[in-house]
């Protein structure tokens, strides 16, 4: 008899998991408390997969031998509590994908900031070097869908702490942790340590032949690393000191040492600008070198990489005012990095769903670089309280077009308007992509 699996959530990861489970002979039931996107509904119907929407059929779900929980569903969800009470094992979509990946290798990348850019750059290097690879996870297709529909020899996977929370055997050959800063604390009982432990789960099943790449300049990572029994080979990267093993930047050059030592290239040849992107580039280059990719290939790929949509994306210059879309900045640290790279007076568009943000981290950057703040969210009191004494004006707006018009009004020729919200987008937008796209549309309409 086939194993019964219930899948909570009918988005990309849920439907990807359903397709993979069905392909491997599971009896699959998908349940979503909201309504399904038409594309996903059609896929489930065409595959003959049993599903429901706008409801959770308890009896059906609790009959499952295993439950795959989509990453967006928190532990405090009533249905999740009932599943836990009954003792049914809950796994994440990356765990299910791992089960059926065969002999393929995995580079898994997590971190509070920079993981999407690092994932995309690592994939770009691997692809440029001719490897049979796919970019999956929080970026592109779900890992499970890729395994089900178009298996590859290598998966470059962006994984979130939510996905790592429900792994059992998932083991990346190369694990990358970009950094750890306070984020998603609403999901971790407002305890930073819970979130830190989640991130380190990426190393949980690694073996001595695997690699763990991490930032030696990140204080939180270094404070906690000794608390975990990490079996894999450690490869740190740093901009503050020369390392015997790993990657570092010295006098404007990136060096990589993973056995044989060599100078890689000048940071002035990196396609990605800004200090934070130098860290991302070191992490991606280290991952590539552990895959035995030749340094010439790494160098070429790092030089011609195109930066990502919604991540410090240049939109347009209107009457001397430059507009930059950093909608993917959904936490305070991302916004700090964005402001750090600004060299001209900045009008900052900020706000959305606050995840327990500590805005004081931005004080110095805001004082130094920001001449006006445009709030884009339903509840902006915290932003006014945090920056009212440093910045005047601070203006409330209720849509992307209103925020763009207000920012343009306060901008002078030579200024930059930066959308870098430091918050989630769910109050006014579907997601950060929708927020970024509406921002870009509004800029074009000026």
Protein backbone atom coordinates (compact mmCIF):
# COMPACT_ATOMS: atom_id res chain seq x y z
CA UNK A 1 0.00 0.00 0.00
CA UNK A 2 1.30 3.48 -0.88
CA UNK A 3 2.39 5.87 1.86
CA UNK A 4 -0.15 8.60 2.64
CA UNK A 5 1.24 12.15 2.66
CA UNK A 6 -0.74 15.32 3.35
CA UNK A 7 0.64 18.59 2.06
CA UNK A 8 -0.26 21.83 3.81
CA UNK A 9 -0.12 24.80 1.46
CA UNK A 10 -0.75 24.85 -2.29
CA UNK A 11 1.88 27.34 -3.44
CA UNK A 12 5.11 26.60 -5.36
CA UNK A 13 6.69 24.43 -2.66
CA UNK A 14 3.44 22.59 -1.84
CA UNK A 15 2.55 21.79 -5.45
CA UNK A 16 6.18 20.90 -6.26
CA UNK A 17 6.18 18.46 -3.32
CA UNK A 18 2.81 17.02 -4.43
CA UNK A 19 4.09 16.35 -7.97
CA UNK A 20 7.24 14.67 -6.66
CA UNK A 21 5.37 12.57 -4.09
CA UNK A 22 2.80 11.45 -6.69
CA UNK A 23 5.58 10.52 -9.13
CA UNK A 24 7.13 8.33 -6.43
CA UNK A 25 3.95 6.42 -5.65
CA UNK A 26 2.66 8.29 -2.60
CA UNK A 27 -1.05 8.73 -1.93
CA UNK A 28 -1.14 12.57 -1.93
CA UNK A 29 -3.63 15.06 -0.49
CA UNK A 30 -3.04 18.83 -0.75
CA UNK A 31 -4.85 21.18 1.63
CA UNK A 32 -4.75 24.98 1.53
CA UNK A 33 -6.73 27.23 3.88
CA UNK A 34 -6.74 29.98 1.22
CA UNK A 35 -7.64 29.87 -2.46
CA UNK A 36 -5.20 28.36 -4.95
CA UNK A 37 -3.53 30.19 -7.79
CA UNK A 38 -5.16 29.02 -11.04
CA UNK A 39 -1.86 27.67 -12.42
CA UNK A 40 -1.36 25.44 -9.37
CA UNK A 41 -5.00 24.31 -9.33
CA UNK A 42 -4.69 23.23 -12.98
CA UNK A 43 -1.45 21.34 -12.28
CA UNK A 44 -3.02 19.39 -9.42
CA UNK A 45 -6.11 18.56 -11.50
CA UNK A 46 -4.04 17.44 -14.50
CA UNK A 47 -1.89 15.23 -12.27
CA UNK A 48 -4.93 13.63 -10.65
CA UNK A 49 -3.89 14.81 -7.18
CA UNK A 50 -6.59 15.10 -4.53
CA UNK A 51 -6.76 18.65 -3.12
CA UNK A 52 -8.95 21.14 -1.27
CA UNK A 53 -8.86 24.91 -0.91
CA UNK A 54 -10.25 27.42 1.61
CA UNK A 55 -10.46 24.59 4.11
CA UNK A 56 -8.47 22.04 6.13
CA UNK A 57 -10.23 18.65 6.26
CA UNK A 58 -8.93 17.50 9.64
CA UNK A 59 -9.98 13.91 9.27
CA UNK A 60 -8.20 13.53 5.94
CA UNK A 61 -5.04 15.35 7.06
CA UNK A 62 -4.75 13.45 10.34
CA UNK A 63 -5.01 10.11 8.46
CA UNK A 64 -1.66 10.85 6.76
CA UNK A 65 1.50 9.03 7.80
CA UNK A 66 3.55 12.13 7.04
CA UNK A 67 2.81 15.83 6.51
CA UNK A 68 4.79 18.22 4.31
CA UNK A 69 4.32 21.74 5.67
CA UNK A 70 4.91 24.73 3.39
CA UNK A 71 7.47 27.15 4.86
CA UNK A 72 4.97 30.01 5.23
CA UNK A 73 2.85 28.11 7.77
CA UNK A 74 3.93 28.77 11.39
CA UNK A 75 4.10 26.22 14.22
CA UNK A 76 1.33 28.07 16.07
CA UNK A 77 -1.16 27.27 13.26
CA UNK A 78 -4.07 25.26 14.76
CA UNK A 79 -3.82 22.49 12.16
CA UNK A 80 -0.06 22.13 12.75
CA UNK A 81 -0.69 21.82 16.50
CA UNK A 82 -3.18 19.00 15.92
CA UNK A 83 -0.73 17.17 13.62
CA UNK A 84 2.00 17.47 16.27
CA UNK A 85 -0.40 16.24 19.01
CA UNK A 86 -1.17 13.14 16.96
CA UNK A 87 2.56 12.45 16.56
CA UNK A 88 2.54 12.58 12.74
CA UNK A 89 5.97 13.49 11.35
CA UNK A 90 6.18 16.90 9.68
CA UNK A 91 8.82 17.44 7.01
CA UNK A 92 9.74 20.35 4.75
CA UNK A 93 9.71 20.35 0.97
CA UNK A 94 13.52 20.32 0.77
CA UNK A 95 13.53 17.15 2.90
CA UNK A 96 11.17 15.41 0.45
CA UNK A 97 13.25 16.60 -2.54
CA UNK A 98 16.43 15.34 -0.86
CA UNK A 99 14.91 11.86 -0.56
CA UNK A 100 14.63 11.52 -4.34
CA UNK A 101 17.63 13.49 -5.62
CA UNK A 102 19.65 10.34 -6.42
CA UNK A 103 23.41 10.92 -6.72
CA UNK A 104 23.08 14.63 -7.42
CA UNK A 105 25.00 17.13 -5.35
CA UNK A 106 23.60 20.07 -3.40
CA UNK A 107 24.97 23.52 -2.66
CA UNK A 108 22.58 24.97 -0.05
CA UNK A 109 22.72 28.66 0.85
CA UNK A 110 21.07 30.32 3.83
CA UNK A 111 21.53 33.52 5.83
CA UNK A 112 19.58 36.59 6.88
CA UNK A 113 20.95 38.76 4.07
CA UNK A 114 22.62 38.09 0.75
CA UNK A 115 21.41 34.52 0.28
CA UNK A 116 19.45 35.23 -2.92
CA UNK A 117 22.33 37.12 -4.54
CA UNK A 118 24.85 34.46 -3.40
CA UNK A 119 22.60 31.68 -4.75
CA UNK A 120 22.16 33.40 -8.12
CA UNK A 121 25.89 34.12 -8.44
CA UNK A 122 26.89 30.57 -7.42
CA UNK A 123 24.46 29.18 -10.01
CA UNK A 124 25.79 31.60 -12.64
CA UNK A 125 29.38 30.43 -11.99
CA UNK A 126 28.38 26.74 -12.14
CA UNK A 127 26.35 27.28 -15.33
CA UNK A 128 29.18 29.26 -16.96
CA UNK A 129 31.54 26.38 -16.11
CA UNK A 130 29.24 24.00 -18.01
CA UNK A 131 27.84 22.03 -15.05
CA UNK A 132 24.43 20.36 -15.36
CA UNK A 133 22.72 22.43 -12.66
CA UNK A 134 19.53 24.18 -11.58
CA UNK A 135 18.79 27.07 -9.23
CA UNK A 136 15.97 26.10 -6.86
CA UNK A 137 14.36 26.81 -3.51
CA UNK A 138 13.22 30.30 -2.57
CA UNK A 139 14.37 31.45 -5.99
CA UNK A 140 13.00 29.89 -9.18
CA UNK A 141 11.28 26.51 -8.99
CA UNK A 142 10.88 24.61 -5.76
CA UNK A 143 13.56 21.97 -5.21
CA UNK A 144 10.91 19.20 -5.27
CA UNK A 145 9.45 20.32 -8.60
CA UNK A 146 12.90 20.41 -10.21
CA UNK A 147 13.67 16.87 -9.00
CA UNK A 148 10.26 15.69 -10.27
CA UNK A 149 10.28 17.35 -13.69
CA UNK A 150 13.87 17.98 -14.75
CA UNK A 151 16.51 16.33 -12.52
CA UNK A 152 20.04 17.75 -12.60
CA UNK A 153 23.48 16.69 -11.40
CA UNK A 154 23.74 19.74 -9.13
CA UNK A 155 21.14 21.80 -7.28
CA UNK A 156 22.07 25.29 -6.12
CA UNK A 157 19.44 25.81 -3.46
CA UNK A 158 18.39 28.87 -1.50
CA UNK A 159 16.97 27.66 1.81
CA UNK A 160 15.23 29.65 4.52
CA UNK A 161 15.26 28.99 8.26
CA UNK A 162 11.60 27.90 7.92
CA UNK A 163 12.60 25.13 5.50
CA UNK A 164 15.50 24.06 7.74
CA UNK A 165 13.17 23.78 10.75
CA UNK A 166 11.60 20.61 9.35
CA UNK A 167 14.56 18.74 7.89
CA UNK A 168 15.49 15.25 9.09
CA UNK A 169 18.13 13.84 6.69
CA UNK A 170 18.68 16.79 4.30
CA UNK A 171 22.41 17.08 3.80
CA UNK A 172 24.09 19.58 1.48
CA UNK A 173 27.52 18.72 0.08
CA UNK A 174 28.33 22.41 0.41
CA UNK A 175 26.50 24.55 2.99
CA UNK A 176 26.81 28.32 2.91
CA UNK A 177 25.77 30.63 5.76
CA UNK A 178 26.10 34.26 4.64
CA UNK A 179 25.38 35.90 8.02
CA UNK A 180 22.83 35.96 10.86
CA UNK A 181 20.94 39.08 11.91
CA UNK A 182 17.61 39.48 13.69
CA UNK A 183 14.82 38.50 11.31
CA UNK A 184 11.50 36.60 11.42
CA UNK A 185 11.52 36.81 15.22
CA UNK A 186 7.72 36.62 15.15
CA UNK A 187 8.15 32.98 14.04
CA UNK A 188 10.72 32.17 16.75
CA UNK A 189 8.90 33.27 19.92
CA UNK A 190 10.84 36.54 19.69
CA UNK A 191 13.97 34.67 20.78
CA UNK A 192 16.97 35.41 18.57
CA UNK A 193 18.70 32.23 19.72
CA UNK A 194 15.89 30.06 18.30
CA UNK A 195 16.41 31.66 14.90
CA UNK A 196 20.21 31.23 15.13
CA UNK A 197 19.78 27.50 15.89
CA UNK A 198 17.53 27.21 12.86
CA UNK A 199 20.18 28.64 10.57
CA UNK A 200 22.88 26.28 11.87
CA UNK A 201 20.64 23.28 11.08
CA UNK A 202 22.07 23.55 7.55
CA UNK A 203 25.20 21.78 8.92
CA UNK A 204 23.28 19.22 11.01
CA UNK A 205 23.80 16.17 8.77
CA UNK A 206 27.04 17.13 7.06
CA UNK A 207 29.92 14.64 6.92
CA UNK A 208 33.72 15.16 7.00
CA UNK A 209 33.94 15.30 3.17
CA UNK A 210 31.37 18.12 2.98
CA UNK A 211 32.10 21.86 3.26
CA UNK A 212 30.67 24.60 5.44
CA UNK A 213 31.31 28.13 4.12
CA UNK A 214 30.66 31.00 6.54
CA UNK A 215 31.56 34.62 7.26
CA UNK A 216 34.27 35.00 9.87
CA UNK A 217 33.46 38.71 10.17
CA UNK A 218 29.89 37.98 11.30
CA UNK A 219 29.84 38.27 15.08
CA UNK A 220 26.71 36.16 15.64
CA UNK A 221 28.02 33.29 13.50
CA UNK A 222 31.35 33.30 15.32
CA UNK A 223 29.76 33.53 18.76
CA UNK A 224 27.63 30.42 18.19
CA UNK A 225 29.66 28.24 15.80
CA UNK A 226 31.41 26.33 18.59
CA UNK A 227 28.06 25.31 20.09
CA UNK A 228 27.34 23.00 17.15
CA UNK A 229 29.12 19.74 16.45
CA UNK A 230 29.98 20.54 12.84
CA UNK A 231 31.61 17.61 11.04
CA UNK A 232 32.30 19.23 7.67
CA UNK A 233 35.40 21.10 6.49
CA UNK A 234 35.23 24.74 7.56
CA UNK A 235 35.87 27.41 4.92
CA UNK A 236 35.54 30.95 6.31
CA UNK A 237 35.65 34.18 4.34
CA UNK A 238 36.69 37.61 5.61
CA UNK A 239 37.43 41.17 4.63
CA UNK A 240 39.14 41.95 7.92
CA UNK A 241 42.00 39.48 8.00
CA UNK A 242 44.13 37.12 5.96
CA UNK A 243 43.00 33.51 6.34
CA UNK A 244 45.12 30.36 6.09
CA UNK A 245 42.12 28.54 4.65
CA UNK A 246 39.11 30.09 2.90
CA UNK A 247 38.69 33.41 1.08
CA UNK A 248 39.74 36.93 1.98
CA UNK A 249 40.13 40.36 0.44
CA UNK A 250 43.38 42.25 0.94
CA UNK A 251 44.43 45.52 -0.72
CA UNK A 252 41.54 45.27 -3.18
CA UNK A 253 42.28 41.68 -4.29
CA UNK A 254 40.32 38.52 -3.51
CA UNK A 255 42.40 35.49 -2.54
CA UNK A 256 41.13 31.93 -2.25
CA UNK A 257 42.95 29.18 -0.37
CA UNK A 258 41.39 25.73 -0.37
CA UNK A 259 44.56 23.67 -0.82
CA UNK A 260 46.60 25.47 -3.40
CA UNK A 261 46.83 29.21 -2.85
CA UNK A 262 46.10 31.70 -5.56
CA UNK A 263 45.04 35.27 -6.07
CA UNK A 264 41.68 35.27 -7.77
CA UNK A 265 41.00 38.79 -9.01
CA UNK A 266 40.65 42.44 -8.15
CA UNK A 267 37.42 43.53 -6.45
CA UNK A 268 37.24 46.26 -9.09
CA UNK A 269 36.43 43.50 -11.60
CA UNK A 270 33.46 42.20 -9.55
CA UNK A 271 30.17 42.81 -11.36
CA UNK A 272 28.52 43.37 -7.97
CA UNK A 273 29.36 46.61 -6.18
CA UNK A 274 29.25 47.39 -2.46
CA UNK A 275 30.91 45.82 0.56
CA UNK A 276 28.02 43.40 1.22
CA UNK A 277 28.31 42.10 -2.34
CA UNK A 278 32.04 41.50 -1.88
CA UNK A 279 31.06 39.07 0.89
CA UNK A 280 28.48 37.41 -1.39
CA UNK A 281 31.08 37.12 -4.15
CA UNK A 282 33.62 35.47 -1.82
CA UNK A 283 31.00 32.96 -0.61
CA UNK A 284 29.93 32.05 -4.16
CA UNK A 285 33.54 31.82 -5.41
CA UNK A 286 34.50 29.51 -2.52
CA UNK A 287 31.52 27.25 -3.26
CA UNK A 288 32.56 27.10 -6.92
CA UNK A 289 36.20 26.27 -6.13
CA UNK A 290 35.11 23.35 -3.90
CA UNK A 291 33.25 22.05 -6.99
CA UNK A 292 36.65 21.99 -8.79
CA UNK A 293 35.65 24.78 -11.15
CA UNK A 294 38.74 26.37 -12.69
CA UNK A 295 39.62 29.84 -11.43
CA UNK A 296 39.44 31.31 -14.95
CA UNK A 297 35.80 30.20 -15.20
CA UNK A 298 35.02 31.64 -11.77
CA UNK A 299 36.68 34.91 -12.71
CA UNK A 300 34.78 35.23 -16.00
CA UNK A 301 31.44 34.49 -14.32
CA UNK A 302 32.01 36.92 -11.44
CA UNK A 303 32.88 39.67 -13.97
CA UNK A 304 29.76 39.35 -16.12
CA UNK A 305 27.05 38.50 -13.55
CA UNK A 306 23.85 40.54 -13.89
CA UNK A 307 22.39 41.65 -10.57
CA UNK A 308 18.92 40.49 -9.55
CA UNK A 309 15.57 42.11 -10.03
CA UNK A 310 14.32 43.85 -6.83
CA UNK A 311 17.81 43.81 -5.29
CA UNK A 312 19.52 47.22 -5.68
CA UNK A 313 18.07 47.31 -9.20
CA UNK A 314 18.56 50.55 -11.15
CA UNK A 315 15.16 51.57 -12.53
CA UNK A 316 15.54 54.95 -14.23
CA UNK A 317 16.83 58.50 -13.94
CA UNK A 318 14.07 61.11 -14.15
CA UNK A 319 15.19 64.77 -14.44
CA UNK A 320 18.47 63.97 -12.70
CA UNK A 321 16.89 61.88 -9.91
CA UNK A 322 17.94 58.22 -9.86
CA UNK A 323 15.44 55.54 -8.75
CA UNK A 324 16.65 52.25 -7.22
CA UNK A 325 14.40 49.26 -6.47
CA UNK A 326 15.54 47.27 -3.43
CA UNK A 327 12.11 45.79 -2.64
CA UNK A 328 13.75 42.52 -1.59
CA UNK A 329 15.11 44.30 1.51
CA UNK A 330 12.57 42.83 3.93
CA UNK A 331 14.61 43.38 7.10
CA UNK A 332 16.56 46.19 8.73
CA UNK A 333 19.99 44.79 7.90
CA UNK A 334 19.25 44.61 4.18
CA UNK A 335 18.27 48.26 4.28
CA UNK A 336 21.45 49.09 6.21
CA UNK A 337 23.54 47.49 3.43
CA UNK A 338 21.56 49.38 0.78
CA UNK A 339 22.14 52.71 2.53
CA UNK A 340 25.80 51.89 3.06
CA UNK A 341 26.30 51.70 -0.70
CA UNK A 342 24.63 55.10 -1.32
CA UNK A 343 27.07 57.89 -2.23
CA UNK A 344 24.50 60.67 -2.85
CA UNK A 345 21.68 62.29 -0.80
CA UNK A 346 18.89 59.72 -0.51
CA UNK A 347 15.10 59.80 -0.23
CA UNK A 348 14.28 56.51 1.50
CA UNK A 349 10.98 54.68 0.98
CA UNK A 350 10.48 52.53 4.07
CA UNK A 351 7.78 50.43 5.75
CA UNK A 352 5.33 47.55 5.47
CA UNK A 353 4.63 44.67 7.85
CA UNK A 354 7.03 45.05 10.78
CA UNK A 355 8.55 41.73 11.96
CA UNK A 356 9.78 43.07 15.31
CA UNK A 357 12.25 45.49 13.70
CA UNK A 358 14.87 47.38 15.67
CA UNK A 359 15.25 50.53 13.58
CA UNK A 360 17.99 51.95 15.83
CA UNK A 361 20.49 49.94 13.73
CA UNK A 362 19.82 52.41 10.92
CA UNK A 363 20.29 55.60 12.95
CA UNK A 364 23.82 56.45 11.84
CA UNK A 365 23.17 55.64 8.18
CA UNK A 366 19.93 57.63 8.17
CA UNK A 367 21.59 60.65 9.86
CA UNK A 368 24.44 60.57 7.36
CA UNK A 369 22.65 59.86 4.10
CA UNK A 370 18.85 60.33 4.22
CA UNK A 371 17.19 63.70 3.60
CA UNK A 372 13.54 62.50 3.60
CA UNK A 373 11.65 59.33 4.49
CA UNK A 374 8.52 58.22 2.67
CA UNK A 375 6.54 55.63 4.65
CA UNK A 376 4.85 52.89 2.62
CA UNK A 377 2.70 50.82 4.95
CA UNK A 378 -0.51 50.78 6.95
CA UNK A 379 1.13 51.37 10.33
CA UNK A 380 4.08 53.76 10.28
CA UNK A 381 4.25 54.91 13.93
CA UNK A 382 7.46 52.99 14.67
CA UNK A 383 9.23 54.65 11.73
CA UNK A 384 8.14 58.14 12.89
CA UNK A 385 9.24 57.35 16.46
CA UNK A 386 12.60 55.96 15.30
CA UNK A 387 13.65 58.71 12.88
CA UNK A 388 11.52 61.78 13.68
CA UNK A 389 14.39 63.47 15.48
CA UNK A 390 16.86 62.96 12.60
CA UNK A 391 14.81 63.44 9.44
CA UNK A 392 12.27 66.00 8.35
CA UNK A 393 10.09 65.42 6.39
CA UNK A 394 8.67 61.94 7.11
CA UNK A 395 5.55 61.42 5.00
CA UNK A 396 2.91 58.65 5.04
CA UNK A 397 1.71 57.17 1.72
CA UNK A 398 -0.69 54.34 0.95
CA UNK A 399 0.44 53.07 -2.46
CA UNK A 400 3.54 52.64 -4.60
CA UNK A 401 2.55 55.46 -6.97
CA UNK A 402 1.83 57.85 -4.07
CA UNK A 403 5.21 57.04 -2.49
CA UNK A 404 7.09 57.58 -5.77
CA UNK A 405 5.37 60.94 -6.39
CA UNK A 406 6.10 62.08 -2.82
CA UNK A 407 9.76 60.99 -3.08
CA UNK A 408 10.16 62.80 -6.41
CA UNK A 409 8.67 65.94 -4.88
CA UNK A 410 11.38 66.05 -2.16
CA UNK A 411 14.26 65.05 -4.44
CA UNK A 412 16.68 67.45 -6.09
CA UNK A 413 18.74 66.81 -9.18
CA UNK A 414 21.57 64.41 -8.24
CA UNK A 415 19.60 62.68 -5.45
CA UNK A 416 18.65 59.00 -5.26
CA UNK A 417 15.19 57.64 -4.43
CA UNK A 418 15.71 54.26 -2.78
CA UNK A 419 12.90 51.77 -2.17
CA UNK A 420 14.39 49.62 0.61
CA UNK A 421 11.46 48.90 2.93
CA UNK A 422 13.09 46.86 5.79
CA UNK A 423 9.69 45.16 6.15
CA UNK A 424 7.53 42.43 4.64
CA UNK A 425 5.07 43.57 1.97
CA UNK A 426 1.83 41.79 2.84
CA UNK A 427 -0.16 44.82 4.05
CA UNK A 428 -0.37 46.60 0.67
CA UNK A 429 1.13 44.09 -1.81
CA UNK A 430 1.03 40.38 -2.70
CA UNK A 431 4.78 40.00 -2.09
CA UNK A 432 8.06 41.88 -2.47
CA UNK A 433 8.04 41.28 -6.27
CA UNK A 434 4.62 42.91 -6.57
CA UNK A 435 5.86 45.85 -4.45
CA UNK A 436 8.97 46.23 -6.64
CA UNK A 437 7.00 45.96 -9.89
CA UNK A 438 4.46 48.57 -8.75
CA UNK A 439 7.33 50.87 -7.75
CA UNK A 440 8.97 50.49 -11.18
CA UNK A 441 5.64 51.11 -12.96
CA UNK A 442 5.09 54.28 -10.89
CA UNK A 443 8.60 55.54 -11.76
CA UNK A 444 7.94 55.00 -15.47
CA UNK A 445 4.71 56.97 -15.17
CA UNK A 446 6.36 60.09 -13.67
